[in-house]
C-alpha atoms as a PDB file:
ATOM      1  CA  MET A   1      55.699  35.704 119.650  1.00  0.00           C
ATOM      2  CA  GLU A   2      55.333  38.919 118.880  1.00  0.00           C
ATOM      3  CA  ILE A   3      59.003  38.180 116.630  1.00  0.00           C
ATOM      4  CA  ASN A   4      57.473  35.877 114.923  1.00  0.00           C
ATOM      5  CA  VAL A   5      53.568  38.100 114.151  1.00  0.00           C
ATOM      6  CA  LEU A   6      56.389  40.468 112.373  1.00  0.00           C
ATOM      7  CA  LYS A   7      57.970  38.135 110.306  1.00  0.00           C
ATOM      8  CA  LEU A   8      55.467  36.188 108.743  1.00  0.00           C
ATOM      9  CA  VAL A   9      53.630  39.563 108.319  1.00  0.00           C
ATOM     10  CA  GLY A  10      56.807  40.542 106.520  1.00  0.00           C
ATOM     11  CA  GLN A  11      56.805  37.456 104.771  1.00  0.00           C
ATOM     12  CA  ARG A  12      53.605  38.037 103.427  1.00  0.00           C
ATOM     13  CA  ILE A  13      54.083  41.702 102.399  1.00  0.00           C
ATOM     14  CA  ARG A  14      57.046  39.739 100.531  1.00  0.00           C
ATOM     15  CA  THR A  15      54.662  36.971  98.564  1.00  0.00           C
ATOM     16  CA  LEU A  16      52.035  39.642  98.087  1.00  0.00           C
ATOM     17  CA  ARG A  17      54.711  42.090  96.697  1.00  0.00           C
ATOM     18  CA  LYS A  18      56.081  39.748  94.790  1.00  0.00           C
ATOM     19  CA  GLU A  19      52.923  38.150  93.298  1.00  0.00           C
ATOM     20  CA  ARG A  20      52.385  41.739  91.388  1.00  0.00           C
ATOM     21  CA  GLU A  21      55.900  41.344  89.925  1.00  0.00           C
ATOM     22  CA  MET A  22      56.619  44.612  91.806  1.00  0.00           C
ATOM     23  CA  SER A  23      59.543  45.992  93.786  1.00  0.00           C
ATOM     24  CA  GLN A  24      60.074  47.470  96.872  1.00  0.00           C
ATOM     25  CA  GLU A  25      60.231  51.083  95.496  1.00  0.00           C
ATOM     26  CA  LEU A  26      57.595  50.606  93.698  1.00  0.00           C
ATOM     27  CA  LEU A  27      55.658  49.285  96.792  1.00  0.00           C
ATOM     28  CA  GLY A  28      57.001  52.069  98.927  1.00  0.00           C
ATOM     29  CA  GLU A  29      55.877  54.608  96.069  1.00  0.00           C
ATOM     30  CA  LYS A  30      52.467  53.386  95.803  1.00  0.00           C
ATOM     31  CA  GLY A  31      52.177  53.410  99.892  1.00  0.00           C
ATOM     32  CA  GLY A  32      54.396  56.234 100.255  1.00  0.00           C
ATOM     33  CA  PHE A  33      57.441  55.107 102.298  1.00  0.00           C
ATOM     34  CA  HIS A  34      60.715  54.567 101.453  1.00  0.00           C
ATOM     35  CA  TYR A  35      61.427  51.275  99.819  1.00  0.00           C
ATOM     36  CA  SER A  36      64.241  50.319 102.803  1.00  0.00           C
ATOM     37  CA  TYR A  37      61.375  50.364 105.164  1.00  0.00           C
ATOM     38  CA  ILE A  38      59.184  47.690 103.140  1.00  0.00           C
ATOM     39  CA  GLY A  39      62.510  45.977 103.276  1.00  0.00           C
ATOM     40  CA  GLN A  40      62.795  46.046 106.723  1.00  0.00           C
ATOM     41  CA  ILE A  41      58.940  45.158 107.588  1.00  0.00           C
ATOM     42  CA  GLU A  42      59.348  42.336 105.006  1.00  0.00           C
ATOM     43  CA  ARG A  43      61.848  41.249 107.637  1.00  0.00           C
ATOM     44  CA  GLY A  44      60.444  41.459 110.590  1.00  0.00           C
ATOM     45  CA  GLU A  45      62.050  44.021 111.826  1.00  0.00           C
ATOM     46  CA  LYS A  46      59.259  47.035 112.017  1.00  0.00           C
ATOM     47  CA  ASN A  47      56.383  46.754 114.026  1.00  0.00           C
ATOM     48  CA  ILE A  48      54.364  48.543 111.577  1.00  0.00           C
ATOM     49  CA  SER A  49      51.635  50.893 112.780  1.00  0.00           C
ATOM     50  CA  LEU A  50      47.776  49.653 111.339  1.00  0.00           C
ATOM     51  CA  LEU A  51      47.499  52.507 109.729  1.00  0.00           C
ATOM     52  CA  ASN A  52      50.748  52.147 107.980  1.00  0.00           C
ATOM     53  CA  LEU A  53      49.160  47.974 107.107  1.00  0.00           C
ATOM     54  CA  ALA A  54      46.449  49.905 105.083  1.00  0.00           C
ATOM     55  CA  LYS A  55      48.479  52.047 103.051  1.00  0.00           C
ATOM     56  CA  ILE A  56      50.394  49.035 102.205  1.00  0.00           C
ATOM     57  CA  ALA A  57      47.444  46.520 101.684  1.00  0.00           C
ATOM     58  CA  SER A  58      46.079  49.607  99.312  1.00  0.00           C
ATOM     59  CA  ALA A  59      49.752  50.044  96.847  1.00  0.00           C
ATOM     60  CA  LEU A  60      48.648  45.930  96.832  1.00  0.00           C
ATOM     61  CA  ASP A  61      45.305  46.206  96.031  1.00  0.00           C
ATOM     62  CA  VAL A  62      44.007  43.780  98.823  1.00  0.00           C
ATOM     63  CA  SER A  63      42.075  44.226 101.858  1.00  0.00           C
ATOM     64  CA  LEU A  64      43.475  44.957 104.824  1.00  0.00           C
ATOM     65  CA  SER A  65      42.316  41.050 106.455  1.00  0.00           C
ATOM     66  CA  GLN A  66      44.398  39.254 103.150  1.00  0.00           C
ATOM     67  CA  LEU A  67      48.101  40.502 104.859  1.00  0.00           C
ATOM     68  CA  PHE A  68      47.195  38.323 107.382  1.00  0.00           C
ATOM     69  CA  THR A  69      46.014  35.759 105.633  1.00  0.00           C
ATOM     70  CA  TYR A  70      49.439  33.798 105.715  1.00  0.00           C
ATOM     71  CA  VAL A  71      50.531  30.206 106.182  1.00  0.00           C
ATOM     72  CA  ASP A  72      53.346  29.383 108.141  1.00  0.00           C
ATOM     73  CA  GLU A  73      55.376  27.709 106.186  1.00  0.00           C
ATOM     74  CA  GLU A  74      55.270  28.083 101.939  1.00  0.00           C
ATOM     75  CA  GLU A  75      55.402  23.829 102.395  1.00  0.00           C
ATOM     76  CA  LYS A  76      52.017  23.691 103.777  1.00  0.00           C
ATOM     77  CA  ARG A  77      50.026  25.542 101.209  1.00  0.00           C
ATOM     78  CA  THR A  78      48.843  21.980  98.675  1.00  0.00           C
ATOM     79  CA  GLU A  79      49.613  22.036  94.690  1.00  0.00           C
ATOM     80  CA  THR A  80      45.539  23.061  93.508  1.00  0.00           C
ATOM     81  CA  GLU A  81      46.448  26.137  96.063  1.00  0.00           C
ATOM     82  CA  ALA A  82      49.433  27.278  94.653  1.00  0.00           C
ATOM     83  CA  ASP A  83      48.171  26.841  91.350  1.00  0.00           C
ATOM     84  CA  LEU A  84      44.830  28.809  92.086  1.00  0.00           C
ATOM     85  CA  GLN A  85      47.178  31.540  93.681  1.00  0.00           C
ATOM     86  CA  GLU A  86      48.532  31.202  90.003  1.00  0.00           C
ATOM     87  CA  ILE A  87      45.861  31.516  88.765  1.00  0.00           C
ATOM     88  CA  LEU A  88      44.026  34.320  90.902  1.00  0.00           C
ATOM     89  CA  SER A  89      47.404  36.402  90.180  1.00  0.00           C
ATOM     90  CA  THR A  90      46.810  35.902  86.947  1.00  0.00           C
ATOM     91  CA  LEU A  91      43.435  37.420  86.661  1.00  0.00           C
ATOM     92  CA  ARG A  92      43.635  40.050  88.702  1.00  0.00           C
ATOM     93  CA  TYR A  93      45.117  42.993  86.449  1.00  0.00           C
ATOM     94  CA  GLN A  94      42.779  42.108  84.120  1.00  0.00           C
ATOM     95  CA  LYS A  95      40.203  43.730  82.487  1.00  0.00           C
ATOM     96  CA  PRO A  96      36.161  42.399  83.967  1.00  0.00           C
ATOM     97  CA  ASP A  97      35.105  41.328  80.636  1.00  0.00           C
ATOM     98  CA  GLN A  98      38.147  39.068  80.431  1.00  0.00           C
ATOM     99  CA  VAL A  99      37.788  37.678  83.691  1.00  0.00           C
ATOM    100  CA  ARG A 100      34.383  36.569  83.276  1.00  0.00           C
ATOM    101  CA  MET A 101      35.634  35.209  79.757  1.00  0.00           C
ATOM    102  CA  VAL A 102      38.391  33.049  81.291  1.00  0.00           C
ATOM    103  CA  ARG A 103      35.041  32.064  84.006  1.00  0.00           C
ATOM    104  CA  ASN A 104      32.851  30.870  81.508  1.00  0.00           C
ATOM    105  CA  VAL A 105      35.727  28.933  79.578  1.00  0.00           C
ATOM    106  CA  VAL A 106      36.377  27.096  82.935  1.00  0.00           C
ATOM    107  CA  ARG A 107      32.969  26.505  83.740  1.00  0.00           C
ATOM    108  CA  GLU A 108      32.424  24.902  80.381  1.00  0.00           C
ATOM    109  CA  ILE A 109      35.169  22.697  80.311  1.00  0.00           C
ATOM    110  CA  LEU A 110      34.054  21.514  83.847  1.00  0.00           C
ATOM    111  CA  VAL A 111      30.646  20.397  82.463  1.00  0.00           C
ATOM    112  CA  GLU A 112      32.284  18.877  79.725  1.00  0.00           C
ATOM    113  CA  HIS A 113      34.602  16.446  81.901  1.00  0.00           C
ATOM    114  CA  ASP A 114      31.575  15.971  83.808  1.00  0.00           C
ATOM    115  CA  ARG A 115      30.102  15.110  80.950  1.00  0.00           C
ATOM    116  CA  TYR A 116      32.822  12.356  79.308  1.00  0.00           C
ATOM    117  CA  SER A 117      33.762  10.881  83.140  1.00  0.00           C
ATOM    118  CA  THR A 118      30.287  10.200  84.392  1.00  0.00           C
ATOM    119  CA  ASP A 119      29.679   7.880  81.052  1.00  0.00           C
END
């Protein structure tokens, strides 16, 4: 059972890293680790400490809890959840004013859609 947890957390770290288009080397550099250690974590071979998990979360620019919000298998994700995750990944590194602009555009699209779909 504990090995399963290591693999799930490792897979989650790999997913977050790839969403940010980071290499293992870059994640290791940002977190203060050797890239081979990152690989071992992602494969579930290392029982990583909470302090190191916190460093990795910081390097990935996520909260510590987000490292544990994994889905057992990618196929359990709905198409909508996958689309939302892609949108979030795209917006994550944009400037705040750009994110607000996108939010406002989405709201307007939905309002217009609701207006026409009820008539």
